[in-house]
Amino acid sequence: MRHLFSPLVKTALRKHYADLARMEDVLRDSGLDWTVVRPPKLTDEPLTGTYRMAYGQNLRGGWDISRADVAHSMLRVLKQPETIKQVIGIAN
């Protein structure tokens, strides 16, 4: 079912994805230290502390993640210099 709707969603959200790509280009060209965290659908579930992260890509099968887990991961990457100037996909 996912494969059926994927092209429709990509078409409908094309402008939003283009804006996100431009934003990341602006960050890359800024000379600043930055990290982009890309979560899927956010939920209000409690912190689990168990989530997957991947550099430079979104995670396959990552449908949602709690806001608490995204906040936890963002605080975690602040302590990791290797995450500077990286895009990080995160999901359950």
Protein backbone atom coordinates (compact mmCIF):
# COMPACT_ATOMS: atom_id res chain seq x y z
CA MET A 1 0.00 0.00 0.00
CA ARG A 2 2.87 2.34 0.84
CA HIS A 3 4.27 1.99 -2.68
CA LEU A 4 0.89 2.92 -4.13
CA PHE A 5 0.65 6.22 -2.27
CA SER A 6 4.33 7.18 -2.29
CA PRO A 7 4.28 8.85 -5.74
CA LEU A 8 1.11 10.75 -4.81
CA VAL A 9 2.61 12.02 -1.57
CA LYS A 10 5.85 13.03 -3.28
CA THR A 11 3.90 14.97 -5.89
CA ALA A 12 1.69 16.66 -3.32
CA LEU A 13 4.63 17.63 -1.10
CA ARG A 14 7.12 18.47 -3.85
CA LYS A 15 7.29 22.19 -2.95
CA HIS A 16 7.81 21.41 0.74
CA TYR A 17 10.65 19.02 -0.01
CA ALA A 18 12.21 21.60 -2.34
CA ASP A 19 12.07 24.16 0.49
CA LEU A 20 13.76 21.71 2.85
CA ALA A 21 16.50 21.04 0.30
CA ARG A 22 17.08 24.79 -0.13
CA MET A 23 17.23 25.23 3.65
CA GLU A 24 19.90 22.55 3.90
CA ASP A 25 21.85 24.20 1.06
CA VAL A 26 21.75 27.52 2.94
CA LEU A 27 23.09 25.79 6.06
CA ARG A 28 25.88 24.05 4.13
CA ASP A 29 26.96 27.37 2.60
CA SER A 30 26.67 29.37 5.83
CA GLY A 31 30.05 28.61 7.37
CA LEU A 32 28.27 27.82 10.64
CA ASP A 33 28.37 24.63 12.66
CA TRP A 34 25.02 22.91 12.14
CA THR A 35 23.26 19.59 12.45
CA VAL A 36 19.93 18.72 10.81
CA VAL A 37 17.76 16.08 12.46
CA ARG A 38 15.05 14.64 10.17
CA PRO A 39 12.28 12.91 12.11
CA PRO A 40 9.22 11.30 10.52
CA LYS A 41 5.72 11.86 11.99
CA LEU A 42 5.99 13.14 15.56
CA THR A 43 3.92 11.61 18.35
CA ASP A 44 3.23 12.56 21.96
CA GLU A 45 4.37 9.17 23.30
CA PRO A 46 6.83 9.11 26.23
CA LEU A 47 10.59 8.87 25.95
CA THR A 48 11.85 5.39 25.06
CA GLY A 49 15.52 6.16 24.49
CA THR A 50 15.51 3.47 21.81
CA TYR A 51 15.54 4.85 18.29
CA ARG A 52 17.60 4.47 15.15
CA MET A 53 19.80 7.16 13.63
CA ALA A 54 21.53 7.30 10.25
CA TYR A 55 23.87 9.91 8.82
CA GLY A 56 22.95 11.46 5.47
CA GLN A 57 19.66 9.64 4.96
CA ASN A 58 16.17 9.03 6.23
CA LEU A 59 15.50 5.64 7.78
CA ARG A 60 13.53 2.97 5.94
CA GLY A 61 10.45 1.88 7.81
CA GLY A 62 10.64 4.88 10.10
CA TRP A 63 7.02 5.92 10.31
CA ASP A 64 6.98 7.89 13.54
CA ILE A 65 8.89 8.86 16.65
CA SER A 66 7.98 10.61 19.88
CA ARG A 67 8.86 14.24 20.40
CA ALA A 68 10.61 13.16 23.61
CA ASP A 69 12.89 10.79 21.68
CA VAL A 70 13.70 13.51 19.11
CA ALA A 71 14.60 15.91 21.94
CA HIS A 72 16.72 13.19 23.58
CA SER A 73 18.59 12.55 20.33
CA MET A 74 19.19 16.26 19.73
CA LEU A 75 20.73 16.67 23.19
CA ARG A 76 22.82 13.55 22.56
CA VAL A 77 24.25 14.80 19.24
CA LEU A 78 25.31 18.08 20.85
CA LYS A 79 28.01 16.09 22.65
CA GLN A 80 29.25 14.37 19.48
CA PRO A 81 31.56 16.48 17.31
CA GLU A 82 31.19 14.03 14.41
CA THR A 83 27.57 15.18 14.00
CA ILE A 84 28.57 18.73 13.05
CA LYS A 85 27.65 19.50 9.42
CA GLN A 86 25.65 16.30 9.19
CA VAL A 87 22.07 15.46 8.28
CA ILE A 88 20.74 12.75 10.57
CA GLY A 89 17.65 10.65 9.97
CA ILE A 90 15.94 9.40 13.12
CA ALA A 91 13.05 7.00 13.68
CA ASN A 92 11.85 4.17 15.90
